[in-house]
Each structure stands twice: as C-alpha cells, then as structure tokens.
ModelCIF file with pLDDT and N, C-alpha, C, O atoms, coordinates in Angstrom:
data_MODEL
#
_entry.id   MODEL 
#
_entity.id                         1 
_entity.type                       polymer 
_entity.pdbx_number_of_molecules   1 
#
_entity_poly.entity_id                      1 
_entity_poly.type                           'polypeptide(L)' 
_entity_poly.nstd_linkage                   no 
_entity_poly.nstd_monomer                   no 
_entity_poly.pdbx_seq_one_letter_code       HKDQVVPTVLKSIKSKRPTIIDCDIEKIIK 
_entity_poly.pdbx_seq_one_letter_code_can   HKDQVVPTVLKSIKSKRPTIIDCDIEKIIK 
_entity_poly.pdbx_strand_id                 A 
#
loop_
_entity_poly_seq.entity_id 
_entity_poly_seq.num 
_entity_poly_seq.mon_id 
_entity_poly_seq.hetero 
1 1  HIS n 
1 2  LYS n 
1 3  ASP n 
1 4  GLN n 
1 5  VAL n 
1 6  VAL n 
1 7  PRO n 
1 8  THR n 
1 9  VAL n 
1 10 LEU n 
1 11 LYS n 
1 12 SER n 
1 13 ILE n 
1 14 LYS n 
1 15 SER n 
1 16 LYS n 
1 17 ARG n 
1 18 PRO n 
1 19 THR n 
1 20 ILE n 
1 21 ILE n 
1 22 ASP n 
1 23 CYS n 
1 24 ASP n 
1 25 ILE n 
1 26 GLU n 
1 27 LYS n 
1 28 ILE n 
1 29 ILE n 
1 30 LYS n 
#
_struct_asym.id          A 
_struct_asym.entity_id   1 
#
loop_
_ma_qa_metric.id 
_ma_qa_metric.mode 
_ma_qa_metric.name 
_ma_qa_metric.software_group_id 
_ma_qa_metric.type 
1 global pLDDT . pLDDT 
2 local  pLDDT . pLDDT 
#
_ma_qa_metric_global.metric_id      1 
_ma_qa_metric_global.metric_value   90.60 
_ma_qa_metric_global.model_id       1 
_ma_qa_metric_global.ordinal_id     1 
#
loop_
_ma_qa_metric_local.label_asym_id 
_ma_qa_metric_local.label_comp_id 
_ma_qa_metric_local.label_seq_id 
_ma_qa_metric_local.metric_id 
_ma_qa_metric_local.metric_value 
_ma_qa_metric_local.model_id 
_ma_qa_metric_local.ordinal_id 
A HIS 1  2 91.00 1 1  
A LYS 2  2 88.00 1 2  
A ASP 3  2 91.00 1 3  
A GLN 4  2 93.00 1 4  
A VAL 5  2 92.00 1 5  
A VAL 6  2 94.00 1 6  
A PRO 7  2 96.00 1 7  
A THR 8  2 96.00 1 8  
A VAL 9  2 95.00 1 9  
A LEU 10 2 96.00 1 10 
A LYS 11 2 96.00 1 11 
A SER 12 2 95.00 1 12 
A ILE 13 2 94.00 1 13 
A LYS 14 2 95.00 1 14 
A SER 15 2 93.00 1 15 
A LYS 16 2 91.00 1 16 
A ARG 17 2 94.00 1 17 
A PRO 18 2 96.00 1 18 
A THR 19 2 97.00 1 19 
A ILE 20 2 97.00 1 20 
A ILE 21 2 97.00 1 21 
A ASP 22 2 94.00 1 22 
A CYS 23 2 92.00 1 23 
A ASP 24 2 86.00 1 24 
A ILE 25 2 83.00 1 25 
A GLU 26 2 76.00 1 26 
A LYS 27 2 78.00 1 27 
A ILE 28 2 80.00 1 28 
A ILE 29 2 76.00 1 29 
A LYS 30 2 76.00 1 30 
#
loop_
_atom_site.group_PDB 
_atom_site.id 
_atom_site.type_symbol 
_atom_site.label_atom_id 
_atom_site.label_alt_id 
_atom_site.label_comp_id 
_atom_site.label_asym_id 
_atom_site.label_entity_id 
_atom_site.label_seq_id 
_atom_site.pdbx_PDB_ins_code 
_atom_site.Cartn_x 
_atom_site.Cartn_y 
_atom_site.Cartn_z 
_atom_site.occupancy 
_atom_site.B_iso_or_equiv 
_atom_site.pdbx_formal_charge 
_atom_site.auth_seq_id 
_atom_site.auth_comp_id 
_atom_site.auth_asym_id 
_atom_site.auth_atom_id 
_atom_site.pdbx_PDB_model_num 
ATOM 1   N N  . HIS A 1 1  ? 5.769   3.746  -4.527  1.00 91.00 ? 1  HIS A N  1 
ATOM 2   C CA . HIS A 1 1  ? 7.036   3.105  -4.885  1.00 91.00 ? 1  HIS A CA 1 
ATOM 3   C C  . HIS A 1 1  ? 6.886   1.606  -4.670  1.00 91.00 ? 1  HIS A C  1 
ATOM 4   O O  . HIS A 1 1  ? 6.205   1.176  -3.738  1.00 91.00 ? 1  HIS A O  1 
ATOM 5   N N  . LYS A 1 2  ? 7.509   0.818  -5.514  1.00 88.00 ? 2  LYS A N  1 
ATOM 6   C CA . LYS A 1 2  ? 7.351   -0.642 -5.440  1.00 88.00 ? 2  LYS A CA 1 
ATOM 7   C C  . LYS A 1 2  ? 7.775   -1.207 -4.086  1.00 88.00 ? 2  LYS A C  1 
ATOM 8   O O  . LYS A 1 2  ? 7.244   -2.234 -3.663  1.00 88.00 ? 2  LYS A O  1 
ATOM 9   N N  . ASP A 1 3  ? 8.709   -0.569 -3.401  1.00 91.00 ? 3  ASP A N  1 
ATOM 10  C CA . ASP A 1 3  ? 9.174   -1.053 -2.100  1.00 91.00 ? 3  ASP A CA 1 
ATOM 11  C C  . ASP A 1 3  ? 8.149   -0.834 -0.981  1.00 91.00 ? 3  ASP A C  1 
ATOM 12  O O  . ASP A 1 3  ? 8.311   -1.365 0.118   1.00 91.00 ? 3  ASP A O  1 
ATOM 13  N N  . GLN A 1 4  ? 7.114   -0.069 -1.247  1.00 93.00 ? 4  GLN A N  1 
ATOM 14  C CA . GLN A 1 4  ? 6.095   0.209  -0.239  1.00 93.00 ? 4  GLN A CA 1 
ATOM 15  C C  . GLN A 1 4  ? 4.960   -0.817 -0.227  1.00 93.00 ? 4  GLN A C  1 
ATOM 16  O O  . GLN A 1 4  ? 4.144   -0.811 0.695   1.00 93.00 ? 4  GLN A O  1 
ATOM 17  N N  . VAL A 1 5  ? 4.891   -1.687 -1.218  1.00 92.00 ? 5  VAL A N  1 
ATOM 18  C CA . VAL A 1 5  ? 3.740   -2.588 -1.365  1.00 92.00 ? 5  VAL A CA 1 
ATOM 19  C C  . VAL A 1 5  ? 3.567   -3.485 -0.139  1.00 92.00 ? 5  VAL A C  1 
ATOM 20  O O  . VAL A 1 5  ? 2.522   -3.440 0.510   1.00 92.00 ? 5  VAL A O  1 
ATOM 21  N N  . VAL A 1 6  ? 4.550   -4.281 0.180   1.00 94.00 ? 6  VAL A N  1 
ATOM 22  C CA . VAL A 1 6  ? 4.419   -5.240 1.289   1.00 94.00 ? 6  VAL A CA 1 
ATOM 23  C C  . VAL A 1 6  ? 4.224   -4.520 2.624   1.00 94.00 ? 6  VAL A C  1 
ATOM 24  O O  . VAL A 1 6  ? 3.306   -4.881 3.361   1.00 94.00 ? 6  VAL A O  1 
ATOM 25  N N  . PRO A 1 7  ? 5.046   -3.512 2.978   1.00 96.00 ? 7  PRO A N  1 
ATOM 26  C CA . PRO A 1 7  ? 4.825   -2.843 4.262   1.00 96.00 ? 7  PRO A CA 1 
ATOM 27  C C  . PRO A 1 7  ? 3.442   -2.190 4.375   1.00 96.00 ? 7  PRO A C  1 
ATOM 28  O O  . PRO A 1 7  ? 2.844   -2.181 5.451   1.00 96.00 ? 7  PRO A O  1 
ATOM 29  N N  . THR A 1 8  ? 2.943   -1.648 3.273   1.00 96.00 ? 8  THR A N  1 
ATOM 30  C CA . THR A 1 8  ? 1.641   -0.984 3.317   1.00 96.00 ? 8  THR A CA 1 
ATOM 31  C C  . THR A 1 8  ? 0.513   -1.995 3.507   1.00 96.00 ? 8  THR A C  1 
ATOM 32  O O  . THR A 1 8  ? -0.419  -1.749 4.273   1.00 96.00 ? 8  THR A O  1 
ATOM 33  N N  . VAL A 1 9  ? 0.593   -3.120 2.820   1.00 95.00 ? 9  VAL A N  1 
ATOM 34  C CA . VAL A 1 9  ? -0.428  -4.158 2.988   1.00 95.00 ? 9  VAL A CA 1 
ATOM 35  C C  . VAL A 1 9  ? -0.391  -4.701 4.423   1.00 95.00 ? 9  VAL A C  1 
ATOM 36  O O  . VAL A 1 9  ? -1.442  -4.910 5.030   1.00 95.00 ? 9  VAL A O  1 
ATOM 37  N N  . LEU A 1 10 ? 0.795   -4.928 4.960   1.00 96.00 ? 10 LEU A N  1 
ATOM 38  C CA . LEU A 1 10 ? 0.915   -5.405 6.344   1.00 96.00 ? 10 LEU A CA 1 
ATOM 39  C C  . LEU A 1 10 ? 0.364   -4.374 7.334   1.00 96.00 ? 10 LEU A C  1 
ATOM 40  O O  . LEU A 1 10 ? -0.295  -4.737 8.309   1.00 96.00 ? 10 LEU A O  1 
ATOM 41  N N  . LYS A 1 11 ? 0.633   -3.100 7.084   1.00 96.00 ? 11 LYS A N  1 
ATOM 42  C CA . LYS A 1 11 ? 0.108   -2.023 7.935   1.00 96.00 ? 11 LYS A CA 1 
ATOM 43  C C  . LYS A 1 11 ? -1.420  -2.032 7.910   1.00 96.00 ? 11 LYS A C  1 
ATOM 44  O O  . LYS A 1 11 ? -2.064  -1.832 8.939   1.00 96.00 ? 11 LYS A O  1 
ATOM 45  N N  . SER A 1 12 ? -1.985  -2.262 6.749   1.00 95.00 ? 12 SER A N  1 
ATOM 46  C CA . SER A 1 12 ? -3.436  -2.323 6.605   1.00 95.00 ? 12 SER A CA 1 
ATOM 47  C C  . SER A 1 12 ? -4.013  -3.483 7.412   1.00 95.00 ? 12 SER A C  1 
ATOM 48  O O  . SER A 1 12 ? -4.999  -3.319 8.131   1.00 95.00 ? 12 SER A O  1 
ATOM 49  N N  . ILE A 1 13 ? -3.403  -4.634 7.290   1.00 94.00 ? 13 ILE A N  1 
ATOM 50  C CA . ILE A 1 13 ? -3.890  -5.823 8.002   1.00 94.00 ? 13 ILE A CA 1 
ATOM 51  C C  . ILE A 1 13 ? -3.785  -5.627 9.516   1.00 94.00 ? 13 ILE A C  1 
ATOM 52  O O  . ILE A 1 13 ? -4.705  -5.979 10.253  1.00 94.00 ? 13 ILE A O  1 
ATOM 53  N N  . LYS A 1 14 ? -2.669  -5.068 9.977   1.00 95.00 ? 14 LYS A N  1 
ATOM 54  C CA . LYS A 1 14 ? -2.462  -4.859 11.408  1.00 95.00 ? 14 LYS A CA 1 
ATOM 55  C C  . LYS A 1 14 ? -3.415  -3.824 11.988  1.00 95.00 ? 14 LYS A C  1 
ATOM 56  O O  . LYS A 1 14 ? -3.712  -3.865 13.182  1.00 95.00 ? 14 LYS A O  1 
ATOM 57  N N  . SER A 1 15 ? -3.898  -2.902 11.171  1.00 93.00 ? 15 SER A N  1 
ATOM 58  C CA . SER A 1 15 ? -4.776  -1.845 11.685  1.00 93.00 ? 15 SER A CA 1 
ATOM 59  C C  . SER A 1 15 ? -6.142  -2.374 12.106  1.00 93.00 ? 15 SER A C  1 
ATOM 60  O O  . SER A 1 15 ? -6.816  -1.765 12.936  1.00 93.00 ? 15 SER A O  1 
ATOM 61  N N  . LYS A 1 16 ? -6.554  -3.514 11.534  1.00 91.00 ? 16 LYS A N  1 
ATOM 62  C CA . LYS A 1 16 ? -7.854  -4.115 11.829  1.00 91.00 ? 16 LYS A CA 1 
ATOM 63  C C  . LYS A 1 16 ? -8.998  -3.135 11.590  1.00 91.00 ? 16 LYS A C  1 
ATOM 64  O O  . LYS A 1 16 ? -10.022 -3.175 12.272  1.00 91.00 ? 16 LYS A O  1 
ATOM 65  N N  . ARG A 1 17 ? -8.804  -2.250 10.606  1.00 94.00 ? 17 ARG A N  1 
ATOM 66  C CA . ARG A 1 17 ? -9.833  -1.288 10.202  1.00 94.00 ? 17 ARG A CA 1 
ATOM 67  C C  . ARG A 1 17 ? -10.063 -1.448 8.710   1.00 94.00 ? 17 ARG A C  1 
ATOM 68  O O  . ARG A 1 17 ? -9.162  -1.873 7.987   1.00 94.00 ? 17 ARG A O  1 
ATOM 69  N N  . PRO A 1 18 ? -11.255 -1.114 8.241   1.00 96.00 ? 18 PRO A N  1 
ATOM 70  C CA . PRO A 1 18 ? -11.465 -1.099 6.789   1.00 96.00 ? 18 PRO A CA 1 
ATOM 71  C C  . PRO A 1 18 ? -10.475 -0.115 6.164   1.00 96.00 ? 18 PRO A C  1 
ATOM 72  O O  . PRO A 1 18 ? -10.331 1.014  6.631   1.00 96.00 ? 18 PRO A O  1 
ATOM 73  N N  . THR A 1 19 ? -9.806  -0.550 5.116   1.00 97.00 ? 19 THR A N  1 
ATOM 74  C CA . THR A 1 19 ? -8.726  0.251  4.527   1.00 97.00 ? 19 THR A CA 1 
ATOM 75  C C  . THR A 1 19 ? -8.814  0.244  3.007   1.00 97.00 ? 19 THR A C  1 
ATOM 76  O O  . THR A 1 19 ? -9.101  -0.776 2.380   1.00 97.00 ? 19 THR A O  1 
ATOM 77  N N  . ILE A 1 20 ? -8.556  1.419  2.438   1.00 97.00 ? 20 ILE A N  1 
ATOM 78  C CA . ILE A 1 20 ? -8.370  1.528  0.989   1.00 97.00 ? 20 ILE A CA 1 
ATOM 79  C C  . ILE A 1 20 ? -6.905  1.868  0.762   1.00 97.00 ? 20 ILE A C  1 
ATOM 80  O O  . ILE A 1 20 ? -6.382  2.824  1.336   1.00 97.00 ? 20 ILE A O  1 
ATOM 81  N N  . ILE A 1 21 ? -6.246  1.075  -0.081  1.00 97.00 ? 21 ILE A N  1 
ATOM 82  C CA . ILE A 1 21 ? -4.862  1.361  -0.471  1.00 97.00 ? 21 ILE A CA 1 
ATOM 83  C C  . ILE A 1 21 ? -4.879  1.837  -1.917  1.00 97.00 ? 21 ILE A C  1 
ATOM 84  O O  . ILE A 1 21 ? -5.253  1.093  -2.824  1.00 97.00 ? 21 ILE A O  1 
ATOM 85  N N  . ASP A 1 22 ? -4.471  3.081  -2.118  1.00 94.00 ? 22 ASP A N  1 
ATOM 86  C CA . ASP A 1 22 ? -4.380  3.658  -3.450  1.00 94.00 ? 22 ASP A CA 1 
ATOM 87  C C  . ASP A 1 22 ? -3.006  3.330  -4.013  1.00 94.00 ? 22 ASP A C  1 
ATOM 88  O O  . ASP A 1 22 ? -2.004  3.913  -3.600  1.00 94.00 ? 22 ASP A O  1 
ATOM 89  N N  . CYS A 1 23 ? -2.962  2.401  -4.951  1.00 92.00 ? 23 CYS A N  1 
ATOM 90  C CA . CYS A 1 23 ? -1.714  1.954  -5.568  1.00 92.00 ? 23 CYS A CA 1 
ATOM 91  C C  . CYS A 1 23 ? -1.525  2.772  -6.850  1.00 92.00 ? 23 CYS A C  1 
ATOM 92  O O  . CYS A 1 23 ? -2.040  2.412  -7.909  1.00 92.00 ? 23 CYS A O  1 
ATOM 93  N N  . ASP A 1 24 ? -0.789  3.862  -6.739  1.00 86.00 ? 24 ASP A N  1 
ATOM 94  C CA . ASP A 1 24 ? -0.620  4.816  -7.835  1.00 86.00 ? 24 ASP A CA 1 
ATOM 95  C C  . ASP A 1 24 ? 0.404   4.274  -8.840  1.00 86.00 ? 24 ASP A C  1 
ATOM 96  O O  . ASP A 1 24 ? 1.610   4.470  -8.685  1.00 86.00 ? 24 ASP A O  1 
ATOM 97  N N  . ILE A 1 25 ? -0.093  3.600  -9.855  1.00 83.00 ? 25 ILE A N  1 
ATOM 98  C CA . ILE A 1 25 ? 0.755   2.906  -10.827 1.00 83.00 ? 25 ILE A CA 1 
ATOM 99  C C  . ILE A 1 25 ? 1.728   3.847  -11.530 1.00 83.00 ? 25 ILE A C  1 
ATOM 100 O O  . ILE A 1 25 ? 2.897   3.505  -11.709 1.00 83.00 ? 25 ILE A O  1 
ATOM 101 N N  . GLU A 1 26 ? 1.260   5.024  -11.929 1.00 76.00 ? 26 GLU A N  1 
ATOM 102 C CA . GLU A 1 26 ? 2.156   5.943  -12.647 1.00 76.00 ? 26 GLU A CA 1 
ATOM 103 C C  . GLU A 1 26 ? 3.323   6.392  -11.782 1.00 76.00 ? 26 GLU A C  1 
ATOM 104 O O  . GLU A 1 26 ? 4.454   6.449  -12.263 1.00 76.00 ? 26 GLU A O  1 
ATOM 105 N N  . LYS A 1 27 ? 3.071   6.715  -10.501 1.00 78.00 ? 27 LYS A N  1 
ATOM 106 C CA . LYS A 1 27 ? 4.161   7.124  -9.617  1.00 78.00 ? 27 LYS A CA 1 
ATOM 107 C C  . LYS A 1 27 ? 5.083   5.951  -9.300  1.00 78.00 ? 27 LYS A C  1 
ATOM 108 O O  . LYS A 1 27 ? 6.293   6.133  -9.167  1.00 78.00 ? 27 LYS A O  1 
ATOM 109 N N  . ILE A 1 28 ? 4.523   4.756  -9.180  1.00 80.00 ? 28 ILE A N  1 
ATOM 110 C CA . ILE A 1 28 ? 5.360   3.579  -8.918  1.00 80.00 ? 28 ILE A CA 1 
ATOM 111 C C  . ILE A 1 28 ? 6.318   3.349  -10.075 1.00 80.00 ? 28 ILE A C  1 
ATOM 112 O O  . ILE A 1 28 ? 7.504   3.096  -9.863  1.00 80.00 ? 28 ILE A O  1 
ATOM 113 N N  . ILE A 1 29 ? 5.814   3.434  -11.287 1.00 76.00 ? 29 ILE A N  1 
ATOM 114 C CA . ILE A 1 29 ? 6.664   3.227  -12.462 1.00 76.00 ? 29 ILE A CA 1 
ATOM 115 C C  . ILE A 1 29 ? 7.765   4.276  -12.526 1.00 76.00 ? 29 ILE A C  1 
ATOM 116 O O  . ILE A 1 29 ? 8.922   3.947  -12.790 1.00 76.00 ? 29 ILE A O  1 
ATOM 117 N N  . LYS A 1 30 ? 7.413   5.548  -12.284 1.00 76.00 ? 30 LYS A N  1 
ATOM 118 C CA . LYS A 1 30 ? 8.414   6.627  -12.347 1.00 76.00 ? 30 LYS A CA 1 
ATOM 119 C C  . LYS A 1 30 ? 9.422   6.531  -11.215 1.00 76.00 ? 30 LYS A C  1 
ATOM 120 O O  . LYS A 1 30 ? 10.328  7.360  -11.123 1.00 76.00 ? 30 LYS A O  1 
#
C-alpha cells in the first residue's frame, strides 16, 4: 500500500541489516 513506503524504508534503515524491500506495484495500485 502506498502508505507503507516511508515507514518501511525507515524500518529498513533502523534495522542496520541488509534488507530487500519488495514493492509490489500491482497490490499498491489496487
């Protein structure tokens, strides 16, 4: 969901671990 972008990126940065964020475009649009 579009509202998850910023919190998820911040969560990734705060984790201080290598992270893959799967940005599911089709689900975001729907």
